[in-house]
């Protein structure tokens, strides 16, 4: 292959201070060392590769939370520990425990699930998101965290039945939810039924949840249900996996904590 510019390169009497070889001159450019230029190109290529690796690594870890989460209520993205306002002893204890559990999850060797349970509207999802944000920010090295609204997850998976190109296929979602370091399953139980006369979760829903929970050791679950209701809705194998290492990691709200959502009065 012919490079005409090479014919215009002229050797000079000036030596490179680093390599001790003669610098060359090309047209009106300042004399330069060919070896220095080669090293500079090699360094820039190495930096480009490192940047690509870092970008890819961040996408698979710290950026997973923002890019892959399925959050039913977009206001939850504003949730953090600073703007959770306890209004009684129960919610103060919940905040303290949530901070404690978040710190424990930073130790990758600790395998346990956390359950937030109790009446709706008391801030379970707020605390779970706050917990996940803190873990995601302080993981060292980077880790992957994911917040998933269970009801929205099942809707998206079902929508994918008619769209094979959807990224929300059962296979893709079970794989994603299974491999992240810490996962929040938000509002577990709401996906089963809104009817009081039939609360048992469908077989397909249970299949998906089992596929996820069976592969996991570190999951945070929020639910409006108590243990008896969970056991009535789900197969014992799923319940067993929900309870993995959950001892001393249960945050339960009662009616002592008021619904923080606005009320409409007539």
C-alpha atoms as a PDB file:
ATOM      1  CA  UNK A   1       0.000   0.000   0.000  1.00  0.00           C
ATOM      2  CA  UNK A   2       1.442   3.378  -1.020  1.00  0.00           C
ATOM      3  CA  UNK A   3       1.470   6.322   1.436  1.00  0.00           C
ATOM      4  CA  UNK A   4       2.624   9.431  -0.530  1.00  0.00           C
ATOM      5  CA  UNK A   5       3.081  11.508   2.631  1.00  0.00           C
ATOM      6  CA  UNK A   6       5.848   9.165   3.795  1.00  0.00           C
ATOM      7  CA  UNK A   7       7.923  10.356   0.849  1.00  0.00           C
ATOM      8  CA  UNK A   8       7.788  13.885   2.254  1.00  0.00           C
ATOM      9  CA  UNK A   9       9.144  12.924   5.697  1.00  0.00           C
ATOM     10  CA  UNK A  10      12.620  14.322   6.215  1.00  0.00           C
ATOM     11  CA  UNK A  11      15.047  13.317   8.920  1.00  0.00           C
ATOM     12  CA  UNK A  12      16.474  16.181  10.991  1.00  0.00           C
ATOM     13  CA  UNK A  13      19.598  16.531  13.076  1.00  0.00           C
ATOM     14  CA  UNK A  14      17.519  17.111  16.210  1.00  0.00           C
ATOM     15  CA  UNK A  15      17.434  14.114  18.593  1.00  0.00           C
ATOM     16  CA  UNK A  16      14.484  12.943  20.706  1.00  0.00           C
ATOM     17  CA  UNK A  17      15.271  13.561  24.394  1.00  0.00           C
ATOM     18  CA  UNK A  18      13.484  10.313  25.329  1.00  0.00           C
ATOM     19  CA  UNK A  19      14.501   7.820  22.673  1.00  0.00           C
ATOM     20  CA  UNK A  20      17.754   9.363  21.419  1.00  0.00           C
ATOM     21  CA  UNK A  21      16.751   8.972  17.778  1.00  0.00           C
ATOM     22  CA  UNK A  22      16.554  11.631  15.104  1.00  0.00           C
ATOM     23  CA  UNK A  23      13.320  13.544  14.868  1.00  0.00           C
ATOM     24  CA  UNK A  24      11.623  13.872  11.520  1.00  0.00           C
ATOM     25  CA  UNK A  25       9.859  16.739   9.811  1.00  0.00           C
ATOM     26  CA  UNK A  26       6.746  16.668   7.665  1.00  0.00           C
ATOM     27  CA  UNK A  27       5.911  19.745   5.592  1.00  0.00           C
ATOM     28  CA  UNK A  28       5.375  22.725   7.900  1.00  0.00           C
ATOM     29  CA  UNK A  29       4.915  20.702  11.108  1.00  0.00           C
ATOM     30  CA  UNK A  30       7.371  20.910  14.004  1.00  0.00           C
ATOM     31  CA  UNK A  31       9.951  18.087  14.079  1.00  0.00           C
ATOM     32  CA  UNK A  32       8.719  15.058  15.972  1.00  0.00           C
ATOM     33  CA  UNK A  33       9.896  11.644  17.126  1.00  0.00           C
ATOM     34  CA  UNK A  34       8.276   8.752  15.308  1.00  0.00           C
ATOM     35  CA  UNK A  35       8.605   6.533  18.377  1.00  0.00           C
ATOM     36  CA  UNK A  36       6.954   9.145  20.603  1.00  0.00           C
ATOM     37  CA  UNK A  37       4.088   9.456  18.135  1.00  0.00           C
ATOM     38  CA  UNK A  38       3.643   5.696  18.108  1.00  0.00           C
ATOM     39  CA  UNK A  39       3.559   5.564  21.908  1.00  0.00           C
ATOM     40  CA  UNK A  40       1.049   8.412  21.955  1.00  0.00           C
ATOM     41  CA  UNK A  41      -1.227   6.563  19.509  1.00  0.00           C
ATOM     42  CA  UNK A  42      -0.927   3.357  21.549  1.00  0.00           C
ATOM     43  CA  UNK A  43      -1.774   5.233  24.746  1.00  0.00           C
ATOM     44  CA  UNK A  44      -4.809   6.911  23.174  1.00  0.00           C
ATOM     45  CA  UNK A  45      -6.032   3.535  21.908  1.00  0.00           C
ATOM     46  CA  UNK A  46      -5.623   2.004  25.368  1.00  0.00           C
ATOM     47  CA  UNK A  47      -7.544   4.903  26.922  1.00  0.00           C
ATOM     48  CA  UNK A  48     -10.314   4.488  24.347  1.00  0.00           C
ATOM     49  CA  UNK A  49     -10.598   0.789  25.176  1.00  0.00           C
ATOM     50  CA  UNK A  50     -10.608   1.556  28.910  1.00  0.00           C
ATOM     51  CA  UNK A  51     -13.327   4.160  28.412  1.00  0.00           C
ATOM     52  CA  UNK A  52     -15.455   1.694  26.442  1.00  0.00           C
ATOM     53  CA  UNK A  53     -14.938  -0.963  29.125  1.00  0.00           C
ATOM     54  CA  UNK A  54     -15.850   1.486  31.901  1.00  0.00           C
ATOM     55  CA  UNK A  55     -18.951   2.650  30.030  1.00  0.00           C
ATOM     56  CA  UNK A  56     -20.044  -0.932  29.453  1.00  0.00           C
ATOM     57  CA  UNK A  57     -19.299  -1.832  33.084  1.00  0.00           C
ATOM     58  CA  UNK A  58     -21.332   1.119  34.392  1.00  0.00           C
ATOM     59  CA  UNK A  59     -24.228   0.176  32.127  1.00  0.00           C
ATOM     60  CA  UNK A  60     -24.274  -3.317  33.611  1.00  0.00           C
ATOM     61  CA  UNK A  61     -23.941  -2.125  37.194  1.00  0.00           C
ATOM     62  CA  UNK A  62     -24.661   1.314  38.627  1.00  0.00           C
ATOM     63  CA  UNK A  63     -26.783   2.498  35.674  1.00  0.00           C
ATOM     64  CA  UNK A  64     -29.046  -0.570  35.745  1.00  0.00           C
ATOM     65  CA  UNK A  65     -31.243   1.028  38.406  1.00  0.00           C
ATOM     66  CA  UNK A  66     -32.182   4.027  36.288  1.00  0.00           C
ATOM     67  CA  UNK A  67     -32.233   2.361  32.870  1.00  0.00           C
ATOM     68  CA  UNK A  68     -33.891  -1.005  33.550  1.00  0.00           C
ATOM     69  CA  UNK A  69     -36.203  -0.458  36.518  1.00  0.00           C
ATOM     70  CA  UNK A  70     -39.970  -0.693  36.089  1.00  0.00           C
ATOM     71  CA  UNK A  71     -41.442   1.937  38.376  1.00  0.00           C
ATOM     72  CA  UNK A  72     -45.203   2.254  38.399  1.00  0.00           C
ATOM     73  CA  UNK A  73     -45.265   5.669  40.084  1.00  0.00           C
ATOM     74  CA  UNK A  74     -42.643   7.995  38.571  1.00  0.00           C
ATOM     75  CA  UNK A  75     -42.681  10.099  41.766  1.00  0.00           C
ATOM     76  CA  UNK A  76     -40.764   7.285  43.436  1.00  0.00           C
ATOM     77  CA  UNK A  77     -37.645   8.441  41.582  1.00  0.00           C
ATOM     78  CA  UNK A  78     -37.610  11.429  43.958  1.00  0.00           C
ATOM     79  CA  UNK A  79     -37.687   9.196  47.030  1.00  0.00           C
ATOM     80  CA  UNK A  80     -34.683   9.108  49.320  1.00  0.00           C
ATOM     81  CA  UNK A  81     -33.932   8.885  53.017  1.00  0.00           C
ATOM     82  CA  UNK A  82     -33.814  12.661  53.382  1.00  0.00           C
ATOM     83  CA  UNK A  83     -37.388  13.271  52.282  1.00  0.00           C
ATOM     84  CA  UNK A  84     -39.003  10.377  54.159  1.00  0.00           C
ATOM     85  CA  UNK A  85     -40.675  12.154  57.070  1.00  0.00           C
ATOM     86  CA  UNK A  86     -41.483   9.881  60.027  1.00  0.00           C
ATOM     87  CA  UNK A  87     -44.635  10.907  61.877  1.00  0.00           C
ATOM     88  CA  UNK A  88     -44.641   8.423  64.746  1.00  0.00           C
ATOM     89  CA  UNK A  89     -42.471   5.938  66.600  1.00  0.00           C
ATOM     90  CA  UNK A  90     -43.307   3.136  64.131  1.00  0.00           C
ATOM     91  CA  UNK A  91     -42.176   5.067  61.067  1.00  0.00           C
ATOM     92  CA  UNK A  92     -39.065   6.333  62.879  1.00  0.00           C
ATOM     93  CA  UNK A  93     -38.122   2.734  63.654  1.00  0.00           C
ATOM     94  CA  UNK A  94     -38.827   1.754  60.034  1.00  0.00           C
ATOM     95  CA  UNK A  95     -36.474   4.460  58.754  1.00  0.00           C
ATOM     96  CA  UNK A  96     -33.704   3.427  61.164  1.00  0.00           C
ATOM     97  CA  UNK A  97     -34.029  -0.255  60.232  1.00  0.00           C
ATOM     98  CA  UNK A  98     -34.077   0.537  56.517  1.00  0.00           C
ATOM     99  CA  UNK A  99     -30.805   2.450  56.813  1.00  0.00           C
ATOM    100  CA  UNK A 100     -29.303  -0.427  58.811  1.00  0.00           C
ATOM    101  CA  UNK A 101     -30.377  -3.050  56.259  1.00  0.00           C
ATOM    102  CA  UNK A 102     -29.076  -0.942  53.363  1.00  0.00           C
ATOM    103  CA  UNK A 103     -25.660  -0.877  55.027  1.00  0.00           C
ATOM    104  CA  UNK A 104     -25.757  -4.660  55.503  1.00  0.00           C
ATOM    105  CA  UNK A 105     -26.450  -5.205  51.794  1.00  0.00           C
ATOM    106  CA  UNK A 106     -23.160  -3.469  50.967  1.00  0.00           C
ATOM    107  CA  UNK A 107     -21.467  -6.612  52.273  1.00  0.00           C
ATOM    108  CA  UNK A 108     -21.874  -8.925  49.282  1.00  0.00           C
ATOM    109  CA  UNK A 109     -21.340 -11.965  51.470  1.00  0.00           C
ATOM    110  CA  UNK A 110     -24.544 -11.315  53.412  1.00  0.00           C
ATOM    111  CA  UNK A 111     -27.474 -13.201  51.901  1.00  0.00           C
ATOM    112  CA  UNK A 112     -30.918 -12.210  53.140  1.00  0.00           C
ATOM    113  CA  UNK A 113     -34.275 -10.878  52.003  1.00  0.00           C
ATOM    114  CA  UNK A 114     -36.080  -7.885  53.477  1.00  0.00           C
ATOM    115  CA  UNK A 115     -39.854  -7.550  53.692  1.00  0.00           C
ATOM    116  CA  UNK A 116     -41.801  -4.306  54.085  1.00  0.00           C
ATOM    117  CA  UNK A 117     -45.389  -5.201  54.937  1.00  0.00           C
ATOM    118  CA  UNK A 118     -48.528  -3.486  56.125  1.00  0.00           C
ATOM    119  CA  UNK A 119     -51.266  -1.109  55.166  1.00  0.00           C
ATOM    120  CA  UNK A 120     -51.108   0.876  51.902  1.00  0.00           C
ATOM    121  CA  UNK A 121     -49.795   4.416  51.638  1.00  0.00           C
ATOM    122  CA  UNK A 122     -47.400   4.418  54.598  1.00  0.00           C
ATOM    123  CA  UNK A 123     -44.183   4.733  52.593  1.00  0.00           C
ATOM    124  CA  UNK A 124     -43.041   1.137  52.045  1.00  0.00           C
ATOM    125  CA  UNK A 125     -42.111   1.783  48.411  1.00  0.00           C
ATOM    126  CA  UNK A 126     -40.500   5.113  49.356  1.00  0.00           C
ATOM    127  CA  UNK A 127     -38.241   3.386  51.877  1.00  0.00           C
ATOM    128  CA  UNK A 128     -37.456   0.504  49.502  1.00  0.00           C
ATOM    129  CA  UNK A 129     -36.412   2.943  46.758  1.00  0.00           C
ATOM    130  CA  UNK A 130     -34.370   4.989  49.249  1.00  0.00           C
ATOM    131  CA  UNK A 131     -32.662   1.828  50.395  1.00  0.00           C
ATOM    132  CA  UNK A 132     -31.878   0.761  46.833  1.00  0.00           C
ATOM    133  CA  UNK A 133     -30.508   4.184  45.873  1.00  0.00           C
ATOM    134  CA  UNK A 134     -28.167   4.179  48.871  1.00  0.00           C
ATOM    135  CA  UNK A 135     -26.925   0.673  48.086  1.00  0.00           C
ATOM    136  CA  UNK A 136     -26.428   1.535  44.420  1.00  0.00           C
ATOM    137  CA  UNK A 137     -24.479   4.680  45.269  1.00  0.00           C
ATOM    138  CA  UNK A 138     -22.180   3.100  47.843  1.00  0.00           C
ATOM    139  CA  UNK A 139     -21.460  -0.322  46.336  1.00  0.00           C
ATOM    140  CA  UNK A 140     -17.676  -0.741  46.094  1.00  0.00           C
ATOM    141  CA  UNK A 141     -16.935  -1.864  43.492  1.00  0.00           C
ATOM    142  CA  UNK A 142     -20.014  -1.031  41.463  1.00  0.00           C
ATOM    143  CA  UNK A 143     -22.999  -3.341  41.808  1.00  0.00           C
ATOM    144  CA  UNK A 144     -26.343  -3.658  40.067  1.00  0.00           C
ATOM    145  CA  UNK A 145     -29.675  -2.755  41.656  1.00  0.00           C
ATOM    146  CA  UNK A 146     -33.163  -2.923  40.195  1.00  0.00           C
ATOM    147  CA  UNK A 147     -36.586  -1.675  41.287  1.00  0.00           C
ATOM    148  CA  UNK A 148     -39.525  -3.592  39.800  1.00  0.00           C
ATOM    149  CA  UNK A 149     -43.241  -2.973  40.211  1.00  0.00           C
ATOM    150  CA  UNK A 150     -44.547  -6.545  40.114  1.00  0.00           C
ATOM    151  CA  UNK A 151     -47.922  -5.572  38.677  1.00  0.00           C
ATOM    152  CA  UNK A 152     -46.326  -3.571  35.837  1.00  0.00           C
ATOM    153  CA  UNK A 153     -43.781  -6.325  35.226  1.00  0.00           C
ATOM    154  CA  UNK A 154     -46.508  -8.905  34.625  1.00  0.00           C
ATOM    155  CA  UNK A 155     -48.422  -6.524  32.357  1.00  0.00           C
ATOM    156  CA  UNK A 156     -45.328  -5.879  30.226  1.00  0.00           C
ATOM    157  CA  UNK A 157     -44.488  -9.572  30.007  1.00  0.00           C
ATOM    158  CA  UNK A 158     -48.024 -10.373  28.891  1.00  0.00           C
ATOM    159  CA  UNK A 159     -47.897  -7.556  26.318  1.00  0.00           C
ATOM    160  CA  UNK A 160     -44.738  -9.152  24.896  1.00  0.00           C
ATOM    161  CA  UNK A 161     -46.729 -12.256  23.884  1.00  0.00           C
ATOM    162  CA  UNK A 162     -47.841 -10.355  20.784  1.00  0.00           C
ATOM    163  CA  UNK A 163     -44.489  -8.649  20.274  1.00  0.00           C
ATOM    164  CA  UNK A 164     -41.527 -11.056  20.102  1.00  0.00           C
ATOM    165  CA  UNK A 165     -39.154  -8.079  19.680  1.00  0.00           C
ATOM    166  CA  UNK A 166     -40.105  -6.672  23.089  1.00  0.00           C
ATOM    167  CA  UNK A 167     -37.329  -6.591  25.658  1.00  0.00           C
ATOM    168  CA  UNK A 168     -39.937  -7.527  28.277  1.00  0.00           C
ATOM    169  CA  UNK A 169     -40.229 -11.188  27.335  1.00  0.00           C
ATOM    170  CA  UNK A 170     -40.406 -13.666  30.190  1.00  0.00           C
ATOM    171  CA  UNK A 171     -36.945 -15.018  29.374  1.00  0.00           C
ATOM    172  CA  UNK A 172     -35.314 -11.571  29.283  1.00  0.00           C
ATOM    173  CA  UNK A 173     -36.954 -10.356  32.473  1.00  0.00           C
ATOM    174  CA  UNK A 174     -36.340 -13.499  34.504  1.00  0.00           C
ATOM    175  CA  UNK A 175     -32.679 -13.387  33.430  1.00  0.00           C
ATOM    176  CA  UNK A 176     -32.329  -9.695  34.328  1.00  0.00           C
ATOM    177  CA  UNK A 177     -34.115  -9.951  37.672  1.00  0.00           C
ATOM    178  CA  UNK A 178     -32.207 -13.077  38.609  1.00  0.00           C
ATOM    179  CA  UNK A 179     -28.706 -11.699  38.096  1.00  0.00           C
ATOM    180  CA  UNK A 180     -28.789  -8.202  39.668  1.00  0.00           C
ATOM    181  CA  UNK A 181     -27.073  -7.870  43.030  1.00  0.00           C
ATOM    182  CA  UNK A 182     -30.061  -6.391  44.862  1.00  0.00           C
ATOM    183  CA  UNK A 183     -33.658  -6.421  43.621  1.00  0.00           C
ATOM    184  CA  UNK A 184     -36.790  -4.694  44.891  1.00  0.00           C
ATOM    185  CA  UNK A 185     -40.074  -6.431  44.085  1.00  0.00           C
ATOM    186  CA  UNK A 186     -42.576  -3.701  44.789  1.00  0.00           C
ATOM    187  CA  UNK A 187     -46.200  -4.323  45.806  1.00  0.00           C
ATOM    188  CA  UNK A 188     -46.016  -8.102  45.678  1.00  0.00           C
ATOM    189  CA  UNK A 189     -49.516  -9.561  45.731  1.00  0.00           C
ATOM    190  CA  UNK A 190     -51.225  -6.788  43.795  1.00  0.00           C
ATOM    191  CA  UNK A 191     -50.564  -8.677  40.576  1.00  0.00           C
ATOM    192  CA  UNK A 192     -52.644 -11.653  41.659  1.00  0.00           C
ATOM    193  CA  UNK A 193     -56.106 -10.141  41.781  1.00  0.00           C
ATOM    194  CA  UNK A 194     -57.930  -7.090  42.963  1.00  0.00           C
ATOM    195  CA  UNK A 195     -60.961  -9.230  43.823  1.00  0.00           C
ATOM    196  CA  UNK A 196     -61.584 -10.243  47.398  1.00  0.00           C
ATOM    197  CA  UNK A 197     -63.241 -13.521  46.397  1.00  0.00           C
ATOM    198  CA  UNK A 198     -60.257 -14.865  44.458  1.00  0.00           C
ATOM    199  CA  UNK A 199     -56.868 -13.834  45.743  1.00  0.00           C
ATOM    200  CA  UNK A 200     -54.840 -16.822  44.549  1.00  0.00           C
ATOM    201  CA  UNK A 201     -52.128 -15.835  42.079  1.00  0.00           C
ATOM    202  CA  UNK A 202     -52.419 -17.381  38.615  1.00  0.00           C
ATOM    203  CA  UNK A 203     -50.171 -20.261  37.627  1.00  0.00           C
ATOM    204  CA  UNK A 204     -48.250 -18.187  35.070  1.00  0.00           C
ATOM    205  CA  UNK A 205     -47.565 -15.393  37.576  1.00  0.00           C
ATOM    206  CA  UNK A 206     -46.304 -17.948  40.065  1.00  0.00           C
ATOM    207  CA  UNK A 207     -44.082 -19.500  37.402  1.00  0.00           C
ATOM    208  CA  UNK A 208     -42.393 -16.161  36.679  1.00  0.00           C
ATOM    209  CA  UNK A 209     -41.973 -15.266  40.356  1.00  0.00           C
ATOM    210  CA  UNK A 210     -40.552 -18.683  41.161  1.00  0.00           C
ATOM    211  CA  UNK A 211     -38.036 -18.373  38.318  1.00  0.00           C
ATOM    212  CA  UNK A 212     -36.811 -15.077  39.780  1.00  0.00           C
ATOM    213  CA  UNK A 213     -36.884 -15.857  43.498  1.00  0.00           C
ATOM    214  CA  UNK A 214     -35.380 -19.304  43.127  1.00  0.00           C
ATOM    215  CA  UNK A 215     -32.231 -17.752  41.627  1.00  0.00           C
ATOM    216  CA  UNK A 216     -31.875 -14.999  44.217  1.00  0.00           C
ATOM    217  CA  UNK A 217     -30.416 -14.537  47.695  1.00  0.00           C
ATOM    218  CA  UNK A 218     -30.798 -10.754  48.194  1.00  0.00           C
ATOM    219  CA  UNK A 219     -34.281  -9.392  47.488  1.00  0.00           C
ATOM    220  CA  UNK A 220     -36.291  -6.556  49.032  1.00  0.00           C
ATOM    221  CA  UNK A 221     -40.066  -7.054  48.941  1.00  0.00           C
ATOM    222  CA  UNK A 222     -42.873  -4.617  49.649  1.00  0.00           C
ATOM    223  CA  UNK A 223     -46.395  -5.932  50.119  1.00  0.00           C
ATOM    224  CA  UNK A 224     -49.729  -4.945  51.615  1.00  0.00           C
ATOM    225  CA  UNK A 225     -50.207  -8.556  52.706  1.00  0.00           C
ATOM    226  CA  UNK A 226     -49.305 -10.323  55.925  1.00  0.00           C
ATOM    227  CA  UNK A 227     -47.724 -13.767  56.142  1.00  0.00           C
ATOM    228  CA  UNK A 228     -51.062 -15.599  56.219  1.00  0.00           C
ATOM    229  CA  UNK A 229     -52.251 -13.804  53.081  1.00  0.00           C
ATOM    230  CA  UNK A 230     -48.968 -14.439  51.251  1.00  0.00           C
ATOM    231  CA  UNK A 231     -49.207 -18.114  52.101  1.00  0.00           C
ATOM    232  CA  UNK A 232     -52.786 -18.219  50.828  1.00  0.00           C
ATOM    233  CA  UNK A 233     -51.871 -16.597  47.487  1.00  0.00           C
ATOM    234  CA  UNK A 234     -48.595 -18.295  46.596  1.00  0.00           C
ATOM    235  CA  UNK A 235     -47.298 -21.812  46.250  1.00  0.00           C
ATOM    236  CA  UNK A 236     -45.311 -22.911  49.338  1.00  0.00           C
ATOM    237  CA  UNK A 237     -42.146 -23.115  47.210  1.00  0.00           C
ATOM    238  CA  UNK A 238     -42.474 -19.414  46.382  1.00  0.00           C
ATOM    239  CA  UNK A 239     -43.249 -18.489  49.982  1.00  0.00           C
ATOM    240  CA  UNK A 240     -40.181 -20.424  51.122  1.00  0.00           C
ATOM    241  CA  UNK A 241     -38.014 -18.386  48.766  1.00  0.00           C
ATOM    242  CA  UNK A 242     -39.603 -15.100  49.850  1.00  0.00           C
ATOM    243  CA  UNK A 243     -38.606 -15.978  53.402  1.00  0.00           C
ATOM    244  CA  UNK A 244     -34.921 -16.650  52.603  1.00  0.00           C
ATOM    245  CA  UNK A 245     -32.892 -15.155  55.439  1.00  0.00           C
ATOM    246  CA  UNK A 246     -35.733 -12.787  56.295  1.00  0.00           C
ATOM    247  CA  UNK A 247     -35.524 -13.329  60.054  1.00  0.00           C
ATOM    248  CA  UNK A 248     -34.870  -9.981  61.759  1.00  0.00           C
ATOM    249  CA  UNK A 249     -35.298  -8.224  58.405  1.00  0.00           C
ATOM    250  CA  UNK A 250     -39.043  -7.532  58.487  1.00  0.00           C
ATOM    251  CA  UNK A 251     -40.393  -3.986  58.662  1.00  0.00           C
ATOM    252  CA  UNK A 252     -44.107  -4.073  59.437  1.00  0.00           C
ATOM    253  CA  UNK A 253     -46.456  -1.107  59.391  1.00  0.00           C
ATOM    254  CA  UNK A 254     -49.754  -1.072  61.231  1.00  0.00           C
ATOM    255  CA  UNK A 255     -52.694   1.302  61.169  1.00  0.00           C
ATOM    256  CA  UNK A 256     -50.751   3.371  63.703  1.00  0.00           C
ATOM    257  CA  UNK A 257     -48.978   4.911  60.687  1.00  0.00           C
ATOM    258  CA  UNK A 258     -51.377   6.982  58.613  1.00  0.00           C
ATOM    259  CA  UNK A 259     -51.714   6.881  54.826  1.00  0.00           C
ATOM    260  CA  UNK A 260     -49.311   9.531  53.514  1.00  0.00           C
ATOM    261  CA  UNK A 261     -51.194   9.899  50.226  1.00  0.00           C
ATOM    262  CA  UNK A 262     -53.685  12.690  49.876  1.00  0.00           C
ATOM    263  CA  UNK A 263     -57.284  11.909  50.755  1.00  0.00           C
ATOM    264  CA  UNK A 264     -60.277  13.016  48.735  1.00  0.00           C
ATOM    265  CA  UNK A 265     -63.172  14.023  50.947  1.00  0.00           C
ATOM    266  CA  UNK A 266     -66.825  14.268  49.901  1.00  0.00           C
END
